[in-house]
Protein backbone atom coordinates (compact mmCIF):
# COMPACT_ATOMS: atom_id res chain seq x y z
CA MET A 1 100.77 90.78 144.90
CA ALA A 2 103.38 93.09 144.24
CA GLN A 3 107.15 91.69 144.07
CA ASP A 4 109.67 93.52 146.48
CA THR A 5 112.40 95.16 144.12
CA THR A 6 114.45 96.59 147.40
CA PRO A 7 118.10 95.74 146.27
CA ASP A 8 120.20 93.07 148.66
CA PHE A 9 123.29 94.55 149.77
CA GLU A 10 125.01 91.41 149.89
CA ASP A 11 123.40 90.59 146.31
CA ALA A 12 124.50 93.74 144.68
CA ILE A 13 127.87 92.75 146.20
CA ARG A 14 128.51 89.73 145.12
CA TYR A 15 126.67 89.72 141.53
CA PRO A 16 129.55 91.28 139.51
CA TRP A 17 131.73 87.92 140.50
CA THR A 18 128.39 85.19 139.56
CA GLY A 19 128.72 83.33 136.37
CA ASP A 20 131.31 80.77 135.01
CA ARG A 21 133.42 83.68 133.68
CA ASN A 22 133.54 86.03 136.44
CA VAL A 23 137.79 86.07 136.22
CA GLU A 24 137.41 87.17 132.86
CA ARG A 25 134.53 89.73 132.98
CA VAL A 26 136.65 91.50 135.76
CA ALA A 27 139.61 91.25 134.09
CA ILE A 28 138.57 92.56 130.76
CA GLY A 29 136.69 95.55 132.57
CA GLY A 30 139.27 96.21 134.78
CA LEU A 31 142.06 96.41 131.65
CA LEU A 32 139.38 98.56 130.11
CA GLY A 33 139.41 101.34 132.72
CA MET A 34 142.98 101.13 133.03
CA PHE A 35 143.35 102.72 129.36
CA GLY A 36 140.17 104.70 129.76
CA PHE A 37 141.94 108.00 129.28
CA LEU A 38 141.86 106.42 125.69
CA LEU A 39 138.25 107.54 125.48
CA VAL A 40 137.20 104.73 123.61
CA PRO A 41 138.20 101.78 126.12
CA ILE A 42 135.94 103.41 129.12
CA LEU A 43 133.12 103.81 126.46
CA PHE A 44 132.99 99.99 126.49
CA VAL A 45 132.43 100.08 129.80
CA TYR A 46 129.67 102.24 130.34
CA GLY A 47 128.31 100.18 127.42
CA TYR A 48 129.15 97.40 129.96
CA ASN A 49 127.22 99.10 132.69
CA VAL A 50 124.40 99.69 130.35
CA ARG A 51 123.64 96.38 129.42
CA VAL A 52 123.83 95.52 132.95
CA LEU A 53 121.33 98.01 133.81
CA ARG A 54 119.19 96.53 131.31
CA ALA A 55 119.69 92.88 132.40
CA VAL A 56 118.72 93.43 135.79
CA SER A 57 116.03 96.04 135.21
CA ALA A 58 114.43 93.54 133.32
CA GLY A 59 114.71 90.68 136.24
CA GLU A 60 117.92 88.71 135.09
CA THR A 61 119.70 88.90 137.98
CA GLU A 62 121.25 85.41 138.45
CA THR A 63 124.04 86.18 136.16
CA ALA A 64 126.20 88.93 134.98
CA PRO A 65 126.32 89.96 131.56
CA ALA A 66 129.44 89.17 129.27
CA PHE A 67 131.31 91.45 127.32
CA ASP A 68 130.31 90.56 123.64
CA ASP A 69 128.51 92.42 120.89
CA TRP A 70 130.99 95.14 121.13
CA GLY A 71 129.52 97.23 118.89
CA GLU A 72 126.35 97.62 120.86
CA LEU A 73 128.17 97.94 124.07
CA LEU A 74 130.32 101.23 121.56
CA ASN A 75 126.85 102.39 121.02
CA ASP A 76 125.56 102.35 124.36
CA GLY A 77 128.28 103.53 125.65
CA LEU A 78 128.30 106.68 123.36
CA SER A 79 124.57 107.39 124.31
CA ALA A 80 125.54 106.85 128.32
CA PHE A 81 128.47 109.49 127.96
CA VAL A 82 126.60 111.84 125.90
CA ILE A 83 123.93 111.44 128.66
CA GLY A 84 126.53 111.88 131.45
CA ALA A 85 128.18 114.88 130.12
CA VAL A 86 124.64 116.72 129.70
CA TYR A 87 123.97 116.31 133.09
CA PHE A 88 127.64 117.00 134.69
CA GLY A 89 127.80 119.42 131.79
CA VAL A 90 125.13 122.08 132.81
CA PRO A 91 126.51 122.29 136.42
CA PHE A 92 129.94 122.53 135.45
CA LEU A 93 129.38 125.28 132.96
CA LEU A 94 127.72 127.34 135.80
CA VAL A 95 130.47 126.71 138.46
CA ALA A 96 133.14 127.86 135.93
CA VAL A 97 130.83 131.28 135.10
CA GLY A 98 130.50 131.94 138.83
CA TRP A 99 134.28 131.48 139.56
CA VAL A 100 134.76 133.83 136.56
CA ALA A 101 132.61 136.30 137.76
CA SER A 102 133.83 135.95 141.52
CA PHE A 103 137.66 136.51 139.93
CA PHE A 104 136.77 139.78 138.06
CA VAL A 105 135.01 141.19 141.20
CA PHE A 106 138.02 140.64 143.00
CA VAL A 107 140.50 142.10 139.93
CA ALA A 108 137.98 144.88 139.54
CA GLY A 109 137.97 145.71 143.22
CA ALA A 110 141.68 145.86 143.52
CA GLY A 111 141.92 147.80 140.63
CA VAL A 112 139.98 150.26 141.34
CA GLY A 113 142.74 151.44 143.74
CA GLY A 114 143.38 152.18 147.79
CA ASP A 115 143.31 149.69 149.97
CA GLY A 116 139.55 150.12 151.41
CA ALA A 117 138.67 149.21 147.67
CA ALA A 118 141.14 146.10 147.13
CA ALA A 119 140.23 144.66 150.83
CA ALA A 120 136.22 145.23 149.38
CA GLY A 121 137.08 143.24 146.22
CA GLY A 122 138.89 140.75 148.06
CA LEU A 123 136.58 140.01 150.40
CA LEU A 124 133.60 140.00 147.49
CA GLY A 125 135.41 137.62 145.90
CA PHE A 126 136.34 135.66 148.96
CA PHE A 127 132.51 135.19 149.56
CA GLY A 128 131.56 135.01 145.88
CA LEU A 129 134.00 131.88 145.89
CA PHE A 130 132.78 130.34 149.08
CA ALA A 131 129.35 130.41 147.45
CA VAL A 132 130.39 129.15 143.69
CA GLN A 133 131.73 126.20 146.16
CA LEU A 134 128.80 125.52 147.84
CA LEU A 135 126.35 126.42 144.86
CA ALA A 136 128.73 123.04 143.23
CA GLY A 137 128.61 120.84 145.92
CA VAL A 138 124.72 121.25 145.34
CA LEU A 139 124.63 120.96 141.96
CA PHE A 140 126.86 118.22 141.30
CA LEU A 141 125.01 115.98 144.22
CA VAL A 142 122.00 116.71 142.32
CA ALA A 143 123.38 115.44 139.00
CA GLY A 144 124.96 112.75 140.52
CA TYR A 145 121.01 111.40 141.82
CA LEU A 146 119.33 112.52 138.30
CA LEU A 147 122.03 110.95 135.90
CA PRO A 148 121.31 106.99 136.73
CA GLY A 149 117.21 107.79 136.32
CA ALA A 150 118.15 109.40 133.10
CA VAL A 151 120.17 106.37 131.97
CA ALA A 152 117.75 104.57 133.47
CA ALA A 153 114.83 106.44 131.28
CA TYR A 154 117.38 105.31 128.10
CA VAL A 155 117.24 101.78 129.31
CA ARG A 156 113.87 101.43 129.71
CA THR A 157 112.78 102.92 126.33
CA ASP A 158 115.68 102.35 124.37
CA THR A 159 115.35 106.05 123.21
CA LEU A 160 118.22 108.61 123.79
CA GLY A 161 115.57 111.49 124.32
CA ALA A 162 113.86 109.88 127.22
CA ALA A 163 117.07 110.41 129.30
CA PHE A 164 116.14 114.59 128.95
CA SER A 165 112.50 113.87 128.95
CA PRO A 166 111.64 115.79 132.46
CA SER A 167 108.69 114.02 132.72
CA THR A 168 110.30 110.62 132.24
CA VAL A 169 112.93 111.08 134.30
CA ARG A 170 110.78 112.75 137.44
CA SER A 171 108.55 109.66 137.33
CA ILE A 172 112.06 107.42 137.74
CA VAL A 173 113.64 109.70 140.52
CA THR A 174 110.95 110.69 142.38
CA ASN A 175 110.19 107.04 143.19
CA ARG A 176 110.88 105.85 146.65
CA ASP A 177 112.34 102.28 144.71
CA TYR A 178 114.77 104.66 142.70
CA ALA A 179 115.67 106.63 146.01
CA ILE A 180 116.36 103.57 148.28
CA ALA A 181 118.56 101.53 145.32
CA TRP A 182 120.35 105.02 145.02
CA LEU A 183 121.57 105.04 148.66
CA PHE A 184 122.56 101.47 148.08
CA ALA A 185 124.43 102.32 145.09
CA PHE A 186 126.01 105.66 146.73
CA ALA A 187 127.16 102.95 150.10
CA ILE A 188 128.66 100.60 147.87
CA ASN A 189 130.28 103.37 145.48
CA MET A 190 131.97 104.65 148.95
CA LEU A 191 132.96 100.94 150.11
CA ALA A 192 134.43 100.80 146.41
CA GLY A 193 136.28 104.33 146.92
CA LEU A 194 137.59 102.91 150.30
CA ALA A 195 139.16 99.40 149.01
CA THR A 196 140.88 101.34 146.09
CA ASN A 197 142.10 104.01 149.21
CA VAL A 198 143.86 100.82 150.91
CA ALA A 199 144.87 99.68 147.55
CA LEU A 200 146.63 102.82 146.99
CA VAL A 201 149.11 102.33 149.67
CA THR A 202 151.14 99.34 147.75
CA ILE A 203 152.59 99.23 144.16
CA VAL A 204 150.67 96.29 143.68
CA GLY A 205 147.57 97.60 144.72
CA ILE A 206 147.74 100.59 142.73
CA LEU A 207 147.21 98.09 139.89
CA LEU A 208 144.33 96.38 141.18
CA VAL A 209 142.67 100.23 141.22
CA PRO A 210 140.68 99.86 138.01
CA PHE A 211 139.51 96.71 138.63
CA ILE A 212 138.19 97.61 141.80
CA SER A 213 136.42 100.53 140.34
CA PHE A 214 134.84 98.29 137.57
CA TYR A 215 133.36 95.48 140.00
CA GLY A 216 131.93 98.62 142.13
CA GLN A 217 130.67 100.23 139.10
CA VAL A 218 128.78 96.95 138.25
CA ALA A 219 127.48 96.57 142.00
CA CYS A 220 126.59 99.84 142.01
CA THR A 221 124.47 99.01 138.57
CA TYR A 222 122.89 96.13 139.78
CA ALA A 223 121.65 98.21 142.97
CA ILE A 224 119.95 100.99 140.30
CA GLY A 225 118.43 98.18 138.25
CA ARG A 226 116.52 96.32 140.94
CA GLY A 227 115.34 99.90 142.14
CA ILE A 228 114.21 100.94 138.74
CA ALA A 229 112.50 97.34 137.85
CA ALA A 230 108.88 98.12 138.86
CA ILE A 231 109.06 101.95 138.29
CA PRO A 232 105.88 102.57 136.00
CA LEU A 233 106.54 104.75 132.70
CA GLU A 234 104.34 106.61 130.51
CA GLY A 235 103.73 103.77 127.46
CA ASP A 236 103.94 100.68 129.85
CA SER A 237 101.80 98.01 129.31
CA GLU A 238 100.42 96.79 132.68
CA GLU A 239 101.30 93.59 131.34
CA THR A 240 104.83 94.81 131.37
CA MET A 241 104.71 95.96 135.02
CA SER A 242 103.46 92.92 136.21
CA GLU A 243 106.44 91.07 135.49
CA PRO A 244 108.28 90.21 138.57
CA ALA A 245 111.93 91.51 139.09
CA ALA A 246 113.87 88.09 140.31
């Protein structure tokens, strides 16, 4: 009988606080996020989220993992960073090219001389920028949907190349379980964003933002982990896929 891997919203929210070392875990994650502008600390956060994804997708859902084996965290964090840079780098590059092209259309039209040419250049530039903005929204939404699936491919295969394999990633992101999990994660992310906005009202609240952000990330990762647990990938054995996700 197939195991239901649909994430539970309450379980996802509670998961980052599970275990005896919950305060320590959230404190470390928040402090690393606070100094994330130094890059290396945020890589450890990325690595921890990869660890959560690996544990939850393997059915280890009772307690969130600890911050230990920092070398492994850094390695996984670097891998997640590379995956994210590629998936968001492509739409960012396309949008940047669109912005530059629209700007030059505007300048070229204005440079021809005459009010009509300047107006035409301005109009074309305006519509060009509008189209670029619309394209940017679509591309970044697509990248946001694909990225967790790409990281999941890396986690499930322990191979960085799998994150860029169209067939492997497609087998994950087109699966109904993944789509539902992604929507759960999206909702949790919106909730975390709301909590962050509330916290920004006070100085003390501002200090809590990195901790709220970390907590939300782990909860989102839990949801994705539940969703990918039973998705078959090429090379998975029947025995492996029959193992239930807790």
